[in-house]
Protein backbone atom coordinates (compact mmCIF):
# COMPACT_ATOMS: atom_id res chain seq x y z
CA UNK A 1 -25.87 -12.61 -16.72
CA UNK A 2 -22.65 -11.18 -18.03
CA UNK A 3 -19.77 -11.41 -15.01
CA UNK A 4 -19.03 -8.09 -13.44
CA UNK A 5 -15.35 -7.25 -13.60
CA UNK A 6 -15.15 -6.44 -9.89
CA UNK A 7 -16.81 -7.73 -6.79
CA UNK A 8 -15.47 -5.18 -4.05
CA UNK A 9 -17.53 -2.39 -3.26
CA UNK A 10 -16.14 0.78 -2.99
CA UNK A 11 -15.64 0.40 1.20
CA UNK A 12 -13.13 -2.17 -0.01
CA UNK A 13 -10.82 -0.31 -1.49
CA UNK A 14 -7.24 0.57 -0.35
CA UNK A 15 -4.67 2.80 -0.61
CA UNK A 16 -2.21 1.12 -2.58
CA UNK A 17 0.66 3.08 -2.10
CA UNK A 18 0.47 2.96 1.62
CA UNK A 19 0.35 -0.86 1.47
CA UNK A 20 3.26 -0.46 -0.36
CA UNK A 21 5.34 1.62 1.92
CA UNK A 22 4.34 0.09 5.04
CA UNK A 23 5.08 -3.66 3.56
CA UNK A 24 8.52 -2.39 3.12
CA UNK A 25 8.87 -1.03 6.44
CA UNK A 26 7.58 -4.50 7.60
CA UNK A 27 10.18 -6.25 5.01
CA UNK A 28 12.99 -4.35 6.84
CA UNK A 29 12.19 -5.67 10.43
CA UNK A 30 11.37 -9.37 9.71
CA UNK A 31 13.10 -11.49 12.10
CA UNK A 32 13.60 -8.88 14.68
CA UNK A 33 10.49 -9.96 16.51
CA UNK A 34 7.85 -13.01 16.43
CA UNK A 35 4.71 -10.74 15.15
CA UNK A 36 4.16 -13.21 12.49
CA UNK A 37 3.20 -15.99 15.24
CA UNK A 38 -0.52 -15.74 13.67
CA UNK A 39 0.39 -16.51 9.78
CA UNK A 40 2.82 -19.08 10.92
CA UNK A 41 -0.10 -21.31 13.06
CA UNK A 42 -2.05 -20.65 9.79
CA UNK A 43 0.52 -22.02 7.85
CA UNK A 44 0.80 -25.06 9.62
CA UNK A 45 -2.96 -25.52 9.38
CA UNK A 46 -2.77 -25.18 5.38
CA UNK A 47 0.04 -27.67 5.63
CA UNK A 48 -2.04 -30.37 7.74
CA UNK A 49 -4.99 -29.86 5.12
CA UNK A 50 -2.92 -31.05 2.23
CA UNK A 51 -2.49 -34.23 4.17
CA UNK A 52 -6.00 -34.85 2.29
CA UNK A 53 -5.30 -33.67 -0.52
CA UNK A 54 -4.47 -35.78 -3.54
CA UNK A 55 -2.10 -33.50 -5.43
CA UNK A 56 1.35 -34.16 -7.02
CA UNK A 57 2.62 -30.35 -8.52
CA UNK A 58 4.80 -29.81 -10.92
CA UNK A 59 5.73 -26.39 -10.20
CA UNK A 60 4.14 -24.19 -6.87
CA UNK A 61 3.45 -20.30 -6.75
CA UNK A 62 3.86 -18.92 -3.21
CA UNK A 63 1.52 -15.78 -3.52
CA UNK A 64 2.50 -13.53 -0.96
CA UNK A 65 5.18 -14.77 0.14
CA UNK A 66 7.09 -12.20 2.82
CA UNK A 67 10.20 -13.82 4.26
CA UNK A 68 10.02 -16.67 2.56
CA UNK A 69 8.83 -19.34 5.63
CA UNK A 70 5.73 -20.93 3.64
CA UNK A 71 8.51 -21.45 0.80
CA UNK A 72 10.68 -23.37 3.21
CA UNK A 73 7.57 -25.24 4.31
CA UNK A 74 6.70 -26.44 1.30
CA UNK A 75 10.19 -27.86 0.11
CA UNK A 76 9.96 -30.26 3.07
CA UNK A 77 6.13 -31.78 1.47
CA UNK A 78 7.52 -31.37 -1.91
CA UNK A 79 11.45 -31.58 -2.07
CA UNK A 80 11.22 -32.06 -5.28
CA UNK A 81 9.40 -29.35 -6.86
CA UNK A 82 10.27 -26.52 -8.04
CA UNK A 83 9.40 -23.31 -6.07
CA UNK A 84 8.37 -19.67 -6.85
CA UNK A 85 7.55 -16.76 -4.65
CA UNK A 86 5.82 -13.82 -5.65
CA UNK A 87 5.30 -10.57 -3.71
CA UNK A 88 4.24 -7.10 -3.89
CA UNK A 89 7.68 -5.46 -2.67
CA UNK A 90 10.75 -6.46 -3.65
CA UNK A 91 12.60 -6.18 -0.24
CA UNK A 92 11.28 -9.02 1.45
CA UNK A 93 13.04 -11.40 -0.80
CA UNK A 94 16.65 -9.65 0.76
CA UNK A 95 15.40 -10.76 3.72
CA UNK A 96 14.33 -14.43 2.65
CA UNK A 97 18.37 -14.80 2.51
CA UNK A 98 19.53 -12.43 5.72
CA UNK A 99 19.19 -12.27 8.83
CA UNK A 100 18.54 -8.67 10.18
CA UNK A 101 22.69 -8.91 11.03
CA UNK A 102 23.07 -9.97 7.67
CA UNK A 103 24.23 -12.79 8.24
CA UNK A 104 23.28 -16.07 6.26
CA UNK A 105 19.48 -16.87 6.50
CA UNK A 106 18.62 -20.28 7.37
CA UNK A 107 16.25 -20.35 4.93
CA UNK A 108 19.31 -19.79 2.67
CA UNK A 109 19.21 -23.66 2.26
CA UNK A 110 16.05 -23.09 -0.39
CA UNK A 111 18.41 -21.33 -2.66
CA UNK A 112 21.34 -24.17 -2.42
CA UNK A 113 21.98 -26.91 -4.88
CA UNK A 114 20.69 -29.41 -3.01
CA UNK A 115 16.77 -28.39 -3.47
CA UNK A 116 15.14 -26.89 -6.49
CA UNK A 117 15.93 -23.42 -8.12
CA UNK A 118 13.26 -21.40 -6.20
CA UNK A 119 12.73 -18.04 -7.75
CA UNK A 120 12.15 -15.20 -6.38
CA UNK A 121 9.92 -11.52 -7.89
CA UNK A 122 8.43 -8.42 -6.62
CA UNK A 123 4.69 -8.96 -8.85
CA UNK A 124 1.06 -7.72 -8.25
CA UNK A 125 -1.27 -10.87 -7.41
CA UNK A 126 -3.88 -9.10 -9.96
CA UNK A 127 -0.49 -9.12 -12.93
CA UNK A 128 1.40 -12.08 -12.27
CA UNK A 129 4.42 -12.83 -14.37
CA UNK A 130 3.82 -16.28 -15.34
CA UNK A 131 2.61 -17.97 -18.15
CA UNK A 132 -0.89 -19.56 -18.77
CA UNK A 133 -0.75 -23.38 -17.25
CA UNK A 134 2.66 -22.62 -15.76
CA UNK A 135 1.66 -23.95 -11.77
CA UNK A 136 0.31 -26.94 -10.11
CA UNK A 137 -0.17 -25.16 -7.05
CA UNK A 138 -1.06 -21.94 -5.76
CA UNK A 139 -0.60 -21.18 -2.00
CA UNK A 140 -1.34 -18.08 -0.87
CA UNK A 141 -1.02 -17.39 3.34
CA UNK A 142 -2.62 -14.24 4.45
CA UNK A 143 -2.46 -12.08 1.19
CA UNK A 144 -6.02 -11.60 0.08
CA UNK A 145 -6.40 -9.09 2.90
CA UNK A 146 -4.11 -6.98 1.49
CA UNK A 147 -6.13 -6.63 -2.01
CA UNK A 148 -9.26 -4.44 -1.86
CA UNK A 149 -11.18 -7.23 -4.90
CA UNK A 150 -10.47 -11.41 -4.92
CA UNK A 151 -12.48 -11.61 -8.37
CA UNK A 152 -8.88 -10.41 -10.87
CA UNK A 153 -6.47 -11.91 -8.31
CA UNK A 154 -8.93 -15.86 -8.42
CA UNK A 155 -8.75 -15.39 -12.51
CA UNK A 156 -5.21 -14.15 -12.62
CA UNK A 157 -4.96 -17.57 -10.38
CA UNK A 158 -6.66 -19.50 -12.53
CA UNK A 159 -4.74 -18.43 -15.63
CA UNK A 160 -2.05 -19.74 -14.12
CA UNK A 161 -2.48 -23.13 -12.82
CA UNK A 162 -2.86 -25.63 -15.35
CA UNK A 163 -5.63 -27.85 -15.73
CA UNK A 164 -6.48 -30.18 -12.63
CA UNK A 165 -4.00 -27.72 -10.26
CA UNK A 166 -5.16 -26.17 -7.21
CA UNK A 167 -5.32 -23.20 -5.49
CA UNK A 168 -5.02 -23.03 -1.58
CA UNK A 169 -5.40 -20.02 0.71
CA UNK A 170 -6.02 -18.42 4.03
CA UNK A 171 -7.44 -14.95 5.13
CA UNK A 172 -9.16 -13.59 7.96
CA UNK A 173 -12.91 -12.93 7.79
CA UNK A 174 -15.01 -9.55 8.94
CA UNK A 175 -14.72 -10.44 12.54
CA UNK A 176 -11.35 -10.37 13.07
CA UNK A 177 -10.39 -7.37 15.46
CA UNK A 178 -14.46 -6.97 16.37
CA UNK A 179 -12.99 -5.57 19.43
CA UNK A 180 -10.68 -2.70 18.14
CA UNK A 181 -13.74 -1.51 15.75
CA UNK A 182 -16.27 -1.52 18.82
CA UNK A 183 -13.85 0.43 20.33
CA UNK A 184 -13.11 3.25 18.30
CA UNK A 185 -15.40 6.21 17.14
CA UNK A 186 -16.77 5.50 13.77
CA UNK A 187 -18.75 8.95 13.56
CA UNK A 188 -15.65 10.29 10.95
CA UNK A 189 -15.35 6.48 8.95
CA UNK A 190 -14.13 3.29 9.54
CA UNK A 191 -10.96 3.06 11.42
CA UNK A 192 -10.17 -0.53 11.12
CA UNK A 193 -9.37 -2.39 8.49
CA UNK A 194 -12.27 -4.27 6.80
CA UNK A 195 -12.18 -8.01 5.78
CA UNK A 196 -13.69 -10.10 2.57
CA UNK A 197 -16.64 -11.99 3.99
CA UNK A 198 -16.40 -15.66 3.02
CA UNK A 199 -19.62 -15.79 0.94
CA UNK A 200 -17.86 -13.09 -1.62
CA UNK A 201 -14.96 -15.14 -1.77
CA UNK A 202 -16.63 -18.45 -2.80
CA UNK A 203 -18.69 -16.54 -5.23
CA UNK A 204 -15.28 -14.91 -6.39
CA UNK A 205 -13.76 -18.54 -6.91
CA UNK A 206 -16.39 -19.54 -9.26
CA UNK A 207 -16.39 -16.40 -10.91
CA UNK A 208 -13.06 -16.68 -11.79
CA UNK A 209 -13.58 -20.20 -13.08
CA UNK A 210 -12.68 -22.42 -9.73
CA UNK A 211 -14.62 -25.32 -9.45
CA UNK A 212 -16.31 -27.60 -5.73
CA UNK A 213 -14.80 -24.20 -3.41
CA UNK A 214 -14.05 -25.73 0.03
CA UNK A 215 -13.98 -23.34 3.31
CA UNK A 216 -13.83 -23.40 6.65
CA UNK A 217 -14.54 -20.81 9.27
CA UNK A 218 -13.13 -21.06 12.74
CA UNK A 219 -12.70 -18.26 15.48
CA UNK A 220 -9.60 -17.49 17.89
CA UNK A 221 -8.77 -15.33 20.65
CA UNK A 222 -5.31 -13.83 21.31
CA UNK A 223 -4.53 -11.98 23.83
CA UNK A 224 -2.05 -8.92 24.44
CA UNK A 225 -1.08 -7.10 27.76
CA UNK A 226 -1.35 -4.02 26.70
CA UNK A 227 -3.36 -2.16 23.86
CA UNK A 228 -0.03 -0.92 22.31
CA UNK A 229 0.98 -4.23 22.14
CA UNK A 230 -1.50 -5.01 19.80
CA UNK A 231 -0.71 -1.86 17.73
CA UNK A 232 2.64 -2.83 17.24
CA UNK A 233 1.98 -6.42 15.75
CA UNK A 234 -0.49 -4.60 13.45
CA UNK A 235 2.35 -2.21 11.97
CA UNK A 236 4.97 -5.24 12.31
CA UNK A 237 2.28 -7.21 9.79
CA UNK A 238 1.35 -3.97 8.08
CA UNK A 239 -2.41 -4.80 9.08
CA UNK A 240 -3.29 -1.58 10.22
CA UNK A 241 -6.32 0.12 8.23
CA UNK A 242 -4.84 0.87 4.67
CA UNK A 243 -8.24 2.06 3.23
CA UNK A 244 -8.77 4.90 1.11
CA UNK A 245 -11.70 6.70 2.91
CA UNK A 246 -10.29 5.59 6.31
CA UNK A 247 -10.38 9.08 8.70
CA UNK A 248 -7.29 10.64 9.92
CA UNK A 249 -6.51 10.76 14.03
CA UNK A 250 -8.89 10.32 16.98
CA UNK A 251 -9.99 14.06 16.61
CA UNK A 252 -8.20 14.71 19.82
CA UNK A 253 -6.94 12.97 23.07
CA UNK A 254 -10.04 12.87 24.67
CA UNK A 255 -11.20 10.51 22.18
CA UNK A 256 -8.26 8.30 22.08
CA UNK A 257 -8.23 8.01 25.83
CA UNK A 258 -11.89 7.10 25.82
CA UNK A 259 -11.52 4.09 23.48
CA UNK A 260 -8.76 2.90 26.01
CA UNK A 261 -10.62 3.15 28.87
CA UNK A 262 -13.61 1.29 26.64
CA UNK A 263 -11.06 -1.60 25.80
CA UNK A 264 -10.06 -2.03 28.96
CA UNK A 265 -13.34 -3.09 30.02
CA UNK A 266 -12.79 -5.95 27.54
CA UNK A 267 -10.04 -7.05 29.86
CA UNK A 268 -9.94 -11.12 31.27
CA UNK A 269 -7.50 -12.09 33.41
CA UNK A 270 -5.09 -8.79 33.16
CA UNK A 271 -5.49 -9.26 29.49
CA UNK A 272 -7.14 -7.90 26.21
CA UNK A 273 -9.01 -10.16 23.91
CA UNK A 274 -8.72 -9.98 20.03
CA UNK A 275 -11.00 -12.02 17.67
CA UNK A 276 -9.50 -13.46 14.96
CA UNK A 277 -11.67 -14.95 12.37
CA UNK A 278 -9.31 -17.43 10.26
CA UNK A 279 -10.77 -18.48 6.74
CA UNK A 280 -9.27 -21.50 4.77
CA UNK A 281 -10.69 -22.41 1.22
CA UNK A 282 -9.14 -24.54 -1.76
CA UNK A 283 -11.02 -25.13 -5.00
CA UNK A 284 -9.59 -26.83 -8.22
CA UNK A 285 -9.00 -25.70 -11.75
CA UNK A 286 -10.70 -28.28 -13.92
CA UNK A 287 -11.17 -26.83 -17.31
CA UNK A 288 -10.21 -23.30 -18.52
CA UNK A 289 -12.12 -20.52 -17.19
CA UNK A 290 -13.89 -19.37 -20.43
CA UNK A 291 -15.47 -23.28 -21.06
CA UNK A 292 -15.57 -24.69 -17.54
CA UNK A 293 -18.96 -25.22 -16.29
CA UNK A 294 -19.85 -24.37 -13.08
CA UNK A 295 -19.44 -26.85 -10.79
CA UNK A 296 -22.56 -27.91 -8.65
CA UNK A 297 -24.72 -25.41 -10.64
CA UNK A 298 -28.55 -25.48 -9.96
CA UNK A 299 -30.43 -25.83 -12.57
CA UNK A 300 -31.33 -21.94 -12.35
CA UNK A 301 -27.84 -21.37 -13.10
CA UNK A 302 -26.77 -20.18 -9.30
CA UNK A 303 -23.92 -22.26 -8.06
CA UNK A 304 -23.37 -24.16 -4.50
CA UNK A 305 -20.22 -23.05 -2.88
CA UNK A 306 -19.38 -26.06 0.27
CA UNK A 307 -19.01 -24.13 3.33
CA UNK A 308 -17.34 -25.82 6.76
CA UNK A 309 -17.64 -23.33 9.79
CA UNK A 310 -15.87 -24.16 12.83
CA UNK A 311 -17.23 -23.04 16.25
């Protein structure tokens, strides 16, 4: 059966112009708050997974590099390996070098003479400005929530990864922000950003040409003192709803007050819970995307993806 050019339903289509504007705004505020604490914690967990994986990369791509925190982490693990950071918007790269007040950022050491060169550029994940087979490891920490179709992105990753190379990623699953989704009125459409299911990601990895995809899922609960604090964190990370079909507004002050009251009923020990479904995955490129057999395929052609859910 011919592989479709897209794996995303229409409901996942995002407003890319809006995403760029929000990411530019987020880049200006990098370092002013600790709102990216979730990305930092997930990066730590991704790094732990590398302890169990045997790979000696020649060149590393951090896709969705933001302000460069993960480039620094990868440099500690692979001190003699060149790292490339790509992000959708260029302002993040300036923030990787400077603090908000303009003084040198500690991350500036990434670009010094003591470590290999780090290249930074703005690029779309589905159109990477890299040669085929030019990197050994693609690292993508919480980049996938900002795309509406994983298949073209995974295909592009597979193109730039050399044979024997690895893609390692993290993303958020459909249960993320479920409390917020339940309290906001849905009669005019979904008001909370949607996230791609783990099984759809596994299918897209195989369709893109990767082998032996392995994914873990675990649920985490964050807590906030108020709904406004949650919204502030979402805005700071450009993570509020960017769907093309998103409704505008809450249909009046009464609907907004009712939504707040419903969320208050969830309060426990003076804190509001926020569910986060964390997905981590990796897969190997064992041959060209055109010629590579589907690893673990059954006789009827169906592919096997290994999932390891965590409670």
